[in-house]
Amino acid sequence: MFTSIFITLPVANISRSREFFNGLGFTFNEDFSDEETTCMIVTDTIMVIHIDESGSPTLVSLPRDSYITIPAHIARDGSSVKDRKMLTKKAPCSR
């Protein structure tokens, strides 16, 4: 089960904040961004919601199951997660 973490951060200026974090290499989810709010992607399960502190109080509601597809990990030997799971299933059980 995946857990998503959303952190709300009030900022003085949305556009300056976005420009600053964009310069650091962060990207933003445009589906949850507008003139008064931005949704900065930190990892596939952590988002930082920047909200304009000069605006009125805002309720941010995001879907609980907003998962991002994660590509499979490839090991140094070229095997994938699926390959290693199959190898584990084939291994004799030690009792």
N, C-alpha and C. Protein backbone atom coordinates (compact mmCIF):
# COMPACT_ATOMS: atom_id res chain seq x y z
N MET A 1 0.84 -1.18 0.00
CA MET A 1 0.00 0.00 0.00
C MET A 1 0.88 1.24 0.00
N PHE A 2 0.60 2.14 -0.90
CA PHE A 2 1.36 3.38 -0.99
C PHE A 2 0.68 4.45 -0.15
N THR A 3 1.46 5.33 0.42
CA THR A 3 0.94 6.47 1.16
C THR A 3 1.48 7.73 0.52
N SER A 4 0.59 8.68 0.25
CA SER A 4 1.00 9.96 -0.29
C SER A 4 1.04 10.98 0.83
N ILE A 5 2.03 11.85 0.81
CA ILE A 5 2.17 12.90 1.81
C ILE A 5 2.05 14.24 1.12
N PHE A 6 1.13 15.07 1.61
CA PHE A 6 0.93 16.42 1.08
C PHE A 6 1.24 17.41 2.19
N ILE A 7 2.20 18.30 1.96
CA ILE A 7 2.60 19.30 2.94
C ILE A 7 2.13 20.65 2.43
N THR A 8 1.42 21.40 3.27
CA THR A 8 0.95 22.73 2.89
C THR A 8 1.92 23.78 3.41
N LEU A 9 2.36 24.66 2.51
CA LEU A 9 3.35 25.67 2.85
C LEU A 9 2.86 27.04 2.39
N PRO A 10 2.51 27.95 3.33
CA PRO A 10 2.11 29.30 2.91
C PRO A 10 3.32 30.08 2.40
N VAL A 11 3.17 30.77 1.29
CA VAL A 11 4.26 31.57 0.72
C VAL A 11 3.78 32.99 0.44
N ALA A 12 4.70 33.93 0.45
CA ALA A 12 4.36 35.34 0.24
C ALA A 12 4.03 35.64 -1.22
N ASN A 13 4.69 34.94 -2.14
CA ASN A 13 4.50 35.22 -3.56
C ASN A 13 4.58 33.91 -4.34
N ILE A 14 3.45 33.47 -4.87
CA ILE A 14 3.38 32.18 -5.57
C ILE A 14 4.32 32.14 -6.77
N SER A 15 4.31 33.16 -7.59
CA SER A 15 5.12 33.13 -8.82
C SER A 15 6.62 33.12 -8.49
N ARG A 16 7.04 33.91 -7.50
CA ARG A 16 8.46 33.90 -7.10
C ARG A 16 8.87 32.57 -6.49
N SER A 17 7.97 31.99 -5.69
CA SER A 17 8.24 30.69 -5.08
C SER A 17 8.38 29.62 -6.15
N ARG A 18 7.47 29.64 -7.12
CA ARG A 18 7.51 28.66 -8.21
C ARG A 18 8.80 28.81 -9.02
N GLU A 19 9.17 30.05 -9.32
CA GLU A 19 10.38 30.33 -10.09
C GLU A 19 11.62 29.83 -9.33
N PHE A 20 11.65 30.08 -8.01
CA PHE A 20 12.78 29.67 -7.19
C PHE A 20 12.93 28.14 -7.19
N PHE A 21 11.84 27.42 -6.87
CA PHE A 21 11.91 25.96 -6.79
C PHE A 21 12.09 25.32 -8.17
N ASN A 22 11.56 25.95 -9.19
CA ASN A 22 11.78 25.47 -10.56
C ASN A 22 13.27 25.56 -10.90
N GLY A 23 13.92 26.63 -10.45
CA GLY A 23 15.35 26.81 -10.67
C GLY A 23 16.18 25.76 -9.95
N LEU A 24 15.64 25.20 -8.88
CA LEU A 24 16.33 24.13 -8.15
C LEU A 24 16.07 22.76 -8.77
N GLY A 25 15.22 22.73 -9.79
CA GLY A 25 14.97 21.48 -10.49
C GLY A 25 13.67 20.78 -10.15
N PHE A 26 12.86 21.38 -9.28
CA PHE A 26 11.58 20.77 -8.94
C PHE A 26 10.58 20.98 -10.07
N THR A 27 9.63 20.06 -10.20
CA THR A 27 8.55 20.21 -11.17
C THR A 27 7.24 20.37 -10.42
N PHE A 28 6.21 20.79 -11.16
CA PHE A 28 4.92 21.08 -10.54
C PHE A 28 3.82 20.29 -11.25
N ASN A 29 2.85 19.85 -10.46
CA ASN A 29 1.68 19.16 -11.00
C ASN A 29 0.66 20.23 -11.36
N GLU A 30 0.48 20.46 -12.65
CA GLU A 30 -0.40 21.53 -13.11
C GLU A 30 -1.87 21.24 -12.83
N ASP A 31 -2.23 19.96 -12.62
CA ASP A 31 -3.62 19.63 -12.30
C ASP A 31 -4.03 20.21 -10.96
N PHE A 32 -3.07 20.44 -10.06
CA PHE A 32 -3.36 20.98 -8.73
C PHE A 32 -2.75 22.36 -8.53
N SER A 33 -2.52 23.09 -9.61
CA SER A 33 -1.91 24.42 -9.52
C SER A 33 -2.79 25.45 -10.21
N ASP A 34 -2.79 26.67 -9.68
CA ASP A 34 -3.47 27.80 -10.32
C ASP A 34 -2.76 29.08 -9.91
N GLU A 35 -3.42 30.23 -9.97
CA GLU A 35 -2.77 31.52 -9.66
C GLU A 35 -2.45 31.65 -8.17
N GLU A 36 -3.20 30.95 -7.30
CA GLU A 36 -3.03 31.09 -5.86
C GLU A 36 -2.41 29.87 -5.19
N THR A 37 -2.21 28.79 -5.95
CA THR A 37 -1.72 27.54 -5.38
C THR A 37 -0.84 26.82 -6.38
N THR A 38 0.24 26.20 -5.89
CA THR A 38 1.03 25.32 -6.75
C THR A 38 1.25 24.01 -6.01
N CYS A 39 1.41 22.96 -6.76
CA CYS A 39 1.67 21.63 -6.20
C CYS A 39 3.03 21.18 -6.69
N MET A 40 4.04 21.29 -5.83
CA MET A 40 5.41 20.94 -6.19
C MET A 40 5.65 19.45 -5.91
N ILE A 41 6.19 18.75 -6.89
CA ILE A 41 6.47 17.33 -6.76
C ILE A 41 7.86 17.16 -6.15
N VAL A 42 7.93 16.53 -4.98
CA VAL A 42 9.21 16.28 -4.32
C VAL A 42 9.67 14.86 -4.66
N THR A 43 8.80 13.89 -4.47
CA THR A 43 9.04 12.51 -4.88
C THR A 43 7.73 12.00 -5.46
N ASP A 44 7.68 10.72 -5.83
CA ASP A 44 6.46 10.18 -6.40
C ASP A 44 5.33 10.11 -5.37
N THR A 45 5.63 10.22 -4.08
CA THR A 45 4.58 10.17 -3.06
C THR A 45 4.57 11.38 -2.13
N ILE A 46 5.44 12.36 -2.37
CA ILE A 46 5.48 13.56 -1.52
C ILE A 46 5.28 14.80 -2.38
N MET A 47 4.28 15.60 -2.03
CA MET A 47 3.98 16.85 -2.74
C MET A 47 3.97 17.99 -1.71
N VAL A 48 4.45 19.16 -2.13
CA VAL A 48 4.37 20.35 -1.29
C VAL A 48 3.42 21.32 -1.97
N ILE A 49 2.35 21.68 -1.25
CA ILE A 49 1.34 22.60 -1.76
C ILE A 49 1.71 24.00 -1.28
N HIS A 50 2.07 24.88 -2.22
CA HIS A 50 2.35 26.28 -1.87
C HIS A 50 1.05 27.05 -2.01
N ILE A 51 0.64 27.72 -0.93
CA ILE A 51 -0.60 28.50 -0.93
C ILE A 51 -0.25 29.95 -0.63
N ASP A 52 -0.83 30.86 -1.40
CA ASP A 52 -0.59 32.29 -1.20
C ASP A 52 -1.10 32.70 0.18
N GLU A 53 -0.18 33.16 1.05
CA GLU A 53 -0.54 33.50 2.43
C GLU A 53 -1.42 34.74 2.53
N SER A 54 -1.48 35.56 1.49
CA SER A 54 -2.30 36.77 1.54
C SER A 54 -3.76 36.50 1.16
N GLY A 55 -4.04 35.31 0.64
CA GLY A 55 -5.40 34.97 0.24
C GLY A 55 -6.25 34.53 1.41
N SER A 56 -7.49 34.21 1.10
CA SER A 56 -8.40 33.73 2.13
C SER A 56 -8.06 32.28 2.48
N PRO A 57 -8.48 31.81 3.67
CA PRO A 57 -8.23 30.42 4.04
C PRO A 57 -8.77 29.48 2.97
N THR A 58 -8.00 28.45 2.68
CA THR A 58 -8.33 27.55 1.59
C THR A 58 -8.30 26.11 2.06
N LEU A 59 -9.26 25.35 1.60
CA LEU A 59 -9.25 23.91 1.85
C LEU A 59 -8.69 23.24 0.60
N VAL A 60 -7.62 22.49 0.77
CA VAL A 60 -7.02 21.79 -0.35
C VAL A 60 -7.46 20.33 -0.25
N SER A 61 -8.15 19.87 -1.27
CA SER A 61 -8.63 18.50 -1.29
C SER A 61 -8.01 17.78 -2.48
N LEU A 62 -7.22 16.76 -2.20
CA LEU A 62 -6.57 16.00 -3.25
C LEU A 62 -7.02 14.55 -3.16
N PRO A 63 -7.14 13.88 -4.29
CA PRO A 63 -7.56 12.49 -4.26
C PRO A 63 -6.59 11.62 -3.46
N ARG A 64 -7.13 10.72 -2.68
CA ARG A 64 -6.30 9.84 -1.86
C ARG A 64 -5.46 8.90 -2.72
N ASP A 65 -6.00 8.43 -3.80
CA ASP A 65 -5.30 7.47 -4.64
C ASP A 65 -4.66 8.12 -5.85
N SER A 66 -3.90 9.18 -5.63
CA SER A 66 -3.23 9.86 -6.73
C SER A 66 -1.82 9.30 -6.88
N TYR A 67 -1.74 8.09 -7.39
CA TYR A 67 -0.46 7.42 -7.54
C TYR A 67 0.17 7.74 -8.89
N ILE A 68 1.47 7.70 -8.92
CA ILE A 68 2.24 7.91 -10.14
C ILE A 68 2.90 6.58 -10.47
N THR A 69 2.83 6.19 -11.73
CA THR A 69 3.46 4.95 -12.13
C THR A 69 4.97 5.06 -11.96
N ILE A 70 5.57 4.07 -11.31
CA ILE A 70 7.00 4.06 -11.06
C ILE A 70 7.63 3.01 -11.97
N PRO A 71 8.59 3.38 -12.78
CA PRO A 71 9.22 2.38 -13.65
C PRO A 71 9.95 1.33 -12.82
N ALA A 72 10.03 0.12 -13.35
CA ALA A 72 10.68 -0.97 -12.64
C ALA A 72 12.16 -0.70 -12.46
N HIS A 73 12.67 -1.14 -11.35
CA HIS A 73 14.10 -0.99 -11.05
C HIS A 73 14.88 -2.05 -11.83
N ILE A 74 15.94 -1.67 -12.49
CA ILE A 74 16.81 -2.60 -13.19
C ILE A 74 18.12 -2.71 -12.41
N ALA A 75 18.50 -3.92 -12.04
CA ALA A 75 19.72 -4.15 -11.27
C ALA A 75 20.94 -4.03 -12.17
N ARG A 76 22.11 -4.00 -11.56
CA ARG A 76 23.36 -3.89 -12.31
C ARG A 76 23.55 -5.03 -13.30
N ASP A 77 23.02 -6.22 -12.94
CA ASP A 77 23.16 -7.36 -13.84
C ASP A 77 22.11 -7.36 -14.95
N GLY A 78 21.27 -6.34 -14.98
CA GLY A 78 20.26 -6.22 -16.04
C GLY A 78 18.93 -6.86 -15.70
N SER A 79 18.83 -7.51 -14.55
CA SER A 79 17.57 -8.15 -14.18
C SER A 79 16.60 -7.12 -13.61
N SER A 80 15.33 -7.37 -13.82
CA SER A 80 14.29 -6.47 -13.32
C SER A 80 13.75 -7.02 -12.00
N VAL A 81 12.89 -6.25 -11.36
CA VAL A 81 12.23 -6.70 -10.13
C VAL A 81 11.46 -7.99 -10.42
N LYS A 82 10.77 -8.02 -11.54
CA LYS A 82 9.99 -9.20 -11.92
C LYS A 82 10.90 -10.43 -12.06
N ASP A 83 12.08 -10.25 -12.71
CA ASP A 83 13.04 -11.35 -12.87
C ASP A 83 13.47 -11.89 -11.51
N ARG A 84 13.78 -10.99 -10.57
CA ARG A 84 14.26 -11.42 -9.26
C ARG A 84 13.16 -12.09 -8.45
N LYS A 85 11.91 -11.63 -8.60
CA LYS A 85 10.80 -12.28 -7.90
C LYS A 85 10.59 -13.69 -8.43
N MET A 86 10.70 -13.87 -9.75
CA MET A 86 10.55 -15.19 -10.33
C MET A 86 11.66 -16.12 -9.84
N LEU A 87 12.87 -15.61 -9.73
CA LEU A 87 13.99 -16.39 -9.26
C LEU A 87 13.75 -16.81 -7.80
N THR A 88 13.21 -15.90 -7.01
CA THR A 88 12.92 -16.21 -5.61
C THR A 88 11.85 -17.29 -5.50
N LYS A 89 10.83 -17.21 -6.36
CA LYS A 89 9.76 -18.20 -6.33
C LYS A 89 10.27 -19.59 -6.73
N LYS A 90 11.26 -19.64 -7.61
CA LYS A 90 11.82 -20.91 -8.08
C LYS A 90 12.77 -21.54 -7.06
N ALA A 91 13.29 -20.73 -6.16
CA ALA A 91 14.27 -21.23 -5.20
C ALA A 91 13.60 -22.23 -4.25
N PRO A 92 14.32 -23.32 -3.91
CA PRO A 92 13.74 -24.28 -2.97
C PRO A 92 13.64 -23.66 -1.58
N CYS A 93 12.58 -24.00 -0.88
CA CYS A 93 12.38 -23.46 0.46
C CYS A 93 13.31 -24.17 1.43
N SER A 94 13.92 -23.43 2.28
CA SER A 94 14.78 -24.05 3.30
C SER A 94 13.98 -24.14 4.58
N ARG A 95 13.89 -25.34 5.10
CA ARG A 95 13.11 -25.55 6.34
C ARG A 95 13.96 -26.14 7.40
